[in-house]
Structures are given as C-alpha cells and as structure tokens.
Amino acid sequence: MSGCKLISIIRQTVGFPKPAYWAIENYKICNGNIAEVKDSNITGLPNGIKPVINNIVQEARQYGKATADYYGYRIVGKTQAYNNKVYIYVLYGIELQNILTN
C-alpha cells in the first residue's frame, strides 16, 4: 500500500418499502488513480461479533466512546450527545465494513 490511500464512502439509502441502510464503498487510490473498489456489507461479519458490539454499545453509552478488537476486526463506538444515539463502526484492518446505530 505504499503511496496508496484507502477512502471509505458512506451513503445512507432510503427506499420504499424497504428501511434505510448504510451502503459502504472502500476505494483504494494510488498515485491519483482509483486502483480498487470494494463494497462492504453486514453479511461478511463473523457470528461471534454480536456480543462484542453489544458490549461496545453499553460502554459507549456510559463513557461516550469505546473500542474493542475481535479477530482482526476493530469495533469503535461513539455516542452523539444531541440525539443520544450510539454509532458503531466495524473495520477489518483499515477497511470500513459496516456502520450500525443503536
């Protein structure tokens, strides 16, 4: 990845009759050119990560933010003061895999 950067684009989509969801695209940019594009979705997350996410939600509500590692995944939780929602960011390495709200 020398000389390359990874940029994640996050789009919240709204569709009728389906509920809104997050669409995430990870772009690898090398020397000003897009070298690779990957779409991320929740189906690729391991089964055992759900309890870790629940713990992060509880800790973020209590302390304002929390992080945890799970077999190469990094889970980051942050609380928004104005709406009391917890936003969970799930990364694998440096690629954003999913965003959850609670």
Protein backbone atom coordinates (compact mmCIF):
# COMPACT_ATOMS: atom_id res chain seq x y z
CA MET A 1 0.00 0.00 0.00
CA SER A 2 3.00 2.30 -0.28
CA GLY A 3 1.83 5.57 -1.79
CA CYS A 4 -1.80 4.45 -1.67
CA LYS A 5 -4.71 5.65 0.44
CA LEU A 6 -7.95 3.96 1.42
CA ILE A 7 -11.09 6.11 1.41
CA SER A 8 -14.49 4.90 2.61
CA ILE A 9 -17.65 6.44 1.19
CA ILE A 10 -20.72 6.05 3.39
CA ARG A 11 -24.19 6.53 1.92
CA GLN A 12 -27.43 6.15 3.81
CA THR A 13 -30.05 4.94 1.39
CA VAL A 14 -33.78 5.29 1.84
CA GLY A 15 -36.10 3.13 -0.17
CA PHE A 16 -39.75 2.35 -0.07
CA PRO A 17 -40.95 -0.15 1.15
CA LYS A 18 -37.54 -1.25 2.48
CA PRO A 19 -35.99 0.51 5.51
CA ALA A 20 -32.93 2.72 5.24
CA TYR A 21 -29.50 1.07 5.32
CA TRP A 22 -25.85 2.08 5.02
CA ALA A 23 -24.05 1.48 1.74
CA ILE A 24 -20.26 1.49 2.12
CA GLU A 25 -17.71 1.59 -0.67
CA ASN A 26 -13.96 1.36 0.04
CA TYR A 27 -11.73 2.95 -2.60
CA LYS A 28 -8.01 2.27 -2.86
CA ILE A 29 -6.36 5.28 -4.52
CA CYS A 30 -2.79 5.05 -5.78
CA ASN A 31 -0.98 7.93 -7.49
CA GLY A 32 -4.25 9.80 -8.03
CA ASN A 33 -5.99 6.85 -9.72
CA ILE A 34 -8.63 4.51 -8.33
CA ALA A 35 -6.90 1.14 -8.12
CA GLU A 36 -9.61 -0.93 -6.44
CA VAL A 37 -13.24 -0.60 -5.28
CA LYS A 38 -14.88 -2.90 -2.72
CA ASP A 39 -18.44 -2.87 -1.39
CA SER A 40 -18.95 -3.82 2.24
CA ASN A 41 -21.99 -5.36 3.89
CA ILE A 42 -23.02 -6.89 7.20
CA THR A 43 -23.25 -10.45 5.86
CA GLY A 44 -19.46 -10.83 5.95
CA LEU A 45 -19.16 -10.30 9.72
CA PRO A 46 -18.48 -13.32 11.94
CA ASN A 47 -21.26 -14.70 14.14
CA GLY A 48 -19.41 -14.12 17.43
CA ILE A 49 -19.04 -10.39 16.89
CA LYS A 50 -22.61 -9.53 18.00
CA PRO A 51 -21.90 -9.81 21.78
CA VAL A 52 -18.79 -7.63 21.33
CA ILE A 53 -20.90 -4.99 19.56
CA ASN A 54 -23.48 -5.11 22.38
CA ASN A 55 -20.72 -4.53 24.96
CA ILE A 56 -19.38 -1.59 22.95
CA VAL A 57 -22.86 -0.04 22.85
CA GLN A 58 -23.15 -0.29 26.65
CA GLU A 59 -19.66 1.13 27.25
CA ALA A 60 -20.19 3.97 24.75
CA ARG A 61 -23.45 4.94 26.47
CA GLN A 62 -21.61 5.07 29.79
CA TYR A 63 -18.29 6.69 28.75
CA GLY A 64 -19.09 8.44 25.44
CA LYS A 65 -16.85 6.16 23.35
CA ALA A 66 -15.45 2.63 23.39
CA THR A 67 -13.34 0.31 21.23
CA ALA A 68 -12.66 -3.42 21.01
CA ASP A 69 -10.75 -5.84 18.81
CA TYR A 70 -12.20 -9.15 17.61
CA TYR A 71 -10.07 -11.45 15.41
CA GLY A 72 -8.84 -8.70 13.09
CA TYR A 73 -11.99 -6.60 13.36
CA ARG A 74 -11.94 -3.29 15.20
CA ILE A 75 -15.22 -2.08 16.66
CA VAL A 76 -15.49 1.61 17.54
CA GLY A 77 -18.50 3.08 19.31
CA LYS A 78 -19.25 6.79 19.76
CA THR A 79 -22.24 8.45 21.39
CA GLN A 80 -23.79 11.56 19.86
CA ALA A 81 -24.78 13.95 22.67
CA TYR A 82 -27.53 15.72 20.75
CA ASN A 83 -29.59 12.60 19.96
CA ASN A 84 -28.17 10.03 22.44
CA LYS A 85 -27.57 7.51 19.62
CA VAL A 86 -24.55 5.23 19.59
CA TYR A 87 -22.82 4.86 16.23
CA ILE A 88 -20.83 1.65 15.80
CA TYR A 89 -18.11 1.47 13.14
CA VAL A 90 -16.84 -2.01 12.25
CA LEU A 91 -13.47 -2.11 10.50
CA TYR A 92 -11.44 -5.03 9.22
CA GLY A 93 -7.85 -3.88 9.10
CA ILE A 94 -8.31 -0.35 7.78
CA GLU A 95 -11.37 -1.06 5.63
CA LEU A 96 -14.74 0.10 6.94
CA GLN A 97 -17.09 -2.90 6.89
CA ASN A 98 -20.29 -1.60 8.42
CA ILE A 99 -21.97 1.16 10.44
CA LEU A 100 -24.66 0.39 12.99
CA THR A 101 -26.80 2.74 15.08
CA ASN A 102 -28.38 1.98 18.37
